C-alpha atoms as a PDB file:
ATOM      1  CA  MET A   1     -33.336  35.401 -17.447  1.00  0.00           C
ATOM      2  CA  LYS A   2     -33.361  34.470 -21.431  1.00  0.00           C
ATOM      3  CA  ASP A   3     -36.182  34.999 -24.041  1.00  0.00           C
ATOM      4  CA  ILE A   4     -36.966  31.693 -25.028  1.00  0.00           C
ATOM      5  CA  VAL A   5     -37.498  33.319 -28.771  1.00  0.00           C
ATOM      6  CA  THR A   6     -34.506  35.371 -29.070  1.00  0.00           C
ATOM      7  CA  GLY A   7     -31.937  33.969 -26.741  1.00  0.00           C
ATOM      8  CA  LYS A   8     -31.309  37.834 -25.433  1.00  0.00           C
ATOM      9  CA  LYS A   9     -31.228  38.460 -21.642  1.00  0.00           C
ATOM     10  CA  VAL A  10     -33.777  39.823 -20.578  1.00  0.00           C
ATOM     11  CA  PRO A  11     -33.309  42.193 -17.534  1.00  0.00           C
ATOM     12  CA  PHE A  12     -35.973  42.211 -14.588  1.00  0.00           C
ATOM     13  CA  LYS A  13     -35.891  42.899 -11.059  1.00  0.00           C
ATOM     14  CA  ILE A  14     -37.393  41.365  -8.097  1.00  0.00           C
ATOM     15  CA  GLU A  15     -39.503  43.911  -6.795  1.00  0.00           C
ATOM     16  CA  ARG A  16     -41.621  41.598  -3.828  1.00  0.00           C
ATOM     17  CA  GLU A  17     -40.997  38.185  -2.661  1.00  0.00           C
ATOM     18  CA  ILE A  18     -42.590  35.945  -0.040  1.00  0.00           C
ATOM     19  CA  ARG A  19     -41.304  32.758   1.042  1.00  0.00           C
ATOM     20  CA  LEU A  20     -43.463  29.822   2.722  1.00  0.00           C
ATOM     21  CA  PRO A  21     -41.917  26.513   3.415  1.00  0.00           C
ATOM     22  CA  GLN A  22     -43.965  23.264   2.516  1.00  0.00           C
ATOM     23  CA  THR A  23     -45.874  21.785   5.313  1.00  0.00           C
ATOM     24  CA  ASP A  24     -44.868  18.470   4.555  1.00  0.00           C
ATOM     25  CA  LYS A  25     -41.046  18.682   3.325  1.00  0.00           C
ATOM     26  CA  PRO A  26     -38.863  21.113   5.337  1.00  0.00           C
ATOM     27  CA  ASP A  27     -35.847  20.949   2.902  1.00  0.00           C
ATOM     28  CA  LYS A  28     -38.334  22.705   0.278  1.00  0.00           C
ATOM     29  CA  ILE A  29     -39.353  26.725   0.127  1.00  0.00           C
ATOM     30  CA  PHE A  30     -41.963  27.751  -2.348  1.00  0.00           C
ATOM     31  CA  VAL A  31     -41.273  31.464  -3.785  1.00  0.00           C
ATOM     32  CA  LEU A  32     -43.986  34.068  -5.210  1.00  0.00           C
ATOM     33  CA  GLN A  33     -41.961  37.098  -6.951  1.00  0.00           C
ATOM     34  CA  GLU A  34     -43.350  40.109  -7.973  1.00  0.00           C
ATOM     35  CA  ILE A  35     -41.236  40.976 -10.847  1.00  0.00           C
ATOM     36  CA  THR A  36     -40.305  44.245 -13.124  1.00  0.00           C
ATOM     37  CA  PHE A  37     -39.062  43.667 -16.449  1.00  0.00           C
ATOM     38  CA  GLY A  38     -36.838  46.349 -18.248  1.00  0.00           C
ATOM     39  CA  ASN A  39     -39.732  47.590 -20.520  1.00  0.00           C
ATOM     40  CA  GLY A  40     -42.044  48.081 -17.230  1.00  0.00           C
ATOM     41  CA  ASN A  41     -44.188  44.601 -17.341  1.00  0.00           C
ATOM     42  CA  LYS A  42     -44.849  43.375 -14.318  1.00  0.00           C
ATOM     43  CA  GLU A  43     -45.971  39.553 -14.443  1.00  0.00           C
ATOM     44  CA  ILE A  44     -45.485  36.898 -11.151  1.00  0.00           C
ATOM     45  CA  ARG A  45     -43.373  34.158 -10.664  1.00  0.00           C
ATOM     46  CA  ILE A  46     -43.754  31.075  -8.578  1.00  0.00           C
ATOM     47  CA  GLY A  47     -40.729  28.993  -8.074  1.00  0.00           C
ATOM     48  CA  TYR A  48     -38.877  26.633  -5.430  1.00  0.00           C
ATOM     49  CA  TYR A  49     -35.879  26.611  -3.702  1.00  0.00           C
ATOM     50  CA  ILE A  50     -34.726  22.992  -2.433  1.00  0.00           C
ATOM     51  CA  VAL A  51     -31.657  21.255  -0.357  1.00  0.00           C
ATOM     52  CA  GLY A  52     -29.569  19.607  -3.288  1.00  0.00           C
ATOM     53  CA  LYS A  53     -28.911  15.922  -3.238  1.00  0.00           C
ATOM     54  CA  ASN A  54     -25.803  15.661  -5.447  1.00  0.00           C
ATOM     55  CA  GLY A  55     -23.083  17.043  -6.754  1.00  0.00           C
ATOM     56  CA  ARG A  56     -21.399  20.922  -5.954  1.00  0.00           C
ATOM     57  CA  MET A  57     -25.075  21.458  -4.460  1.00  0.00           C
ATOM     58  CA  LYS A  58     -25.037  18.764  -2.097  1.00  0.00           C
ATOM     59  CA  ASP A  59     -26.448  20.041   1.162  1.00  0.00           C
ATOM     60  CA  LYS A  60     -26.988  23.633  -0.337  1.00  0.00           C
ATOM     61  CA  TRP A  61     -30.149  25.367  -0.764  1.00  0.00           C
ATOM     62  CA  ALA A  62     -30.822  25.683  -4.727  1.00  0.00           C
ATOM     63  CA  TRP A  63     -33.071  27.193  -7.015  1.00  0.00           C
ATOM     64  CA  GLY A  64     -36.010  24.634  -8.254  1.00  0.00           C
ATOM     65  CA  GLN A  65     -35.296  23.345 -11.958  1.00  0.00           C
ATOM     66  CA  PHE A  66     -38.766  22.636 -12.761  1.00  0.00           C
ATOM     67  CA  CYS A  67     -42.302  23.246 -12.807  1.00  0.00           C
ATOM     68  CA  PRO A  68     -43.257  23.353  -8.864  1.00  0.00           C
ATOM     69  CA  PHE A  69     -45.352  20.640  -7.122  1.00  0.00           C
ATOM     70  CA  LEU A  70     -46.993  21.792  -3.781  1.00  0.00           C
ATOM     71  CA  PRO A  71     -50.011  20.776  -1.984  1.00  0.00           C
ATOM     72  CA  ARG A  72     -53.037  22.768  -2.155  1.00  0.00           C
ATOM     73  CA  ASN A  73     -53.050  23.924   1.144  1.00  0.00           C
ATOM     74  CA  ASP A  74     -49.526  25.560   0.436  1.00  0.00           C
ATOM     75  CA  LEU A  75     -50.820  27.274  -2.905  1.00  0.00           C
ATOM     76  CA  GLU A  76     -53.154  28.567  -1.078  1.00  0.00           C
ATOM     77  CA  ASP A  77     -51.366  29.951   2.021  1.00  0.00           C
ATOM     78  CA  LEU A  78     -49.018  31.284  -0.639  1.00  0.00           C
ATOM     79  CA  ILE A  79     -51.539  33.444  -2.042  1.00  0.00           C
ATOM     80  CA  LYS A  80     -53.299  34.403   1.298  1.00  0.00           C
ATOM     81  CA  LYS A  81     -49.420  35.571   2.175  1.00  0.00           C
ATOM     82  CA  ALA A  82     -49.254  37.447  -1.377  1.00  0.00           C
ATOM     83  CA  GLN A  83     -52.589  39.146  -1.044  1.00  0.00           C
ATOM     84  CA  GLU A  84     -52.017  40.687   2.343  1.00  0.00           C
ATOM     85  CA  GLU A  85     -48.353  41.957   1.047  1.00  0.00           C
ATOM     86  CA  GLY A  86     -50.508  43.786  -2.135  1.00  0.00           C
ATOM     87  CA  ILE A  87     -49.041  41.323  -4.711  1.00  0.00           C
ATOM     88  CA  LEU A  88     -52.282  39.885  -5.852  1.00  0.00           C
ATOM     89  CA  SER A  89     -55.843  41.569  -5.382  1.00  0.00           C
ATOM     90  CA  LYS A  90     -57.722  40.508  -2.162  1.00  0.00           C
ATOM     91  CA  ASP A  91     -60.341  39.638  -4.872  1.00  0.00           C
ATOM     92  CA  TYR A  92     -58.537  36.892  -6.610  1.00  0.00           C
ATOM     93  CA  LYS A  93     -60.374  33.582  -5.952  1.00  0.00           C
ATOM     94  CA  PHE A  94     -59.996  30.160  -7.040  1.00  0.00           C
END
């Protein structure tokens, strides 16, 4: 990952990850990741994988390039799984 201000690479490690297929699109899987940066800071990243439609990624799983759109129920299920895995606090509410 690159710092958007400095352009320098920022080292990080994915500590834990949860995956959940989108209920109405089997070619899309949402991901919630717990990430630790080189300085010890922890953050949560939400992203998705999708089956490519064009070019060299056609019919292959690829990391989504844009902000994820997902059904509300899928977001709730993703958060529940993250709570069960201890990534998010069980006290978290919408």
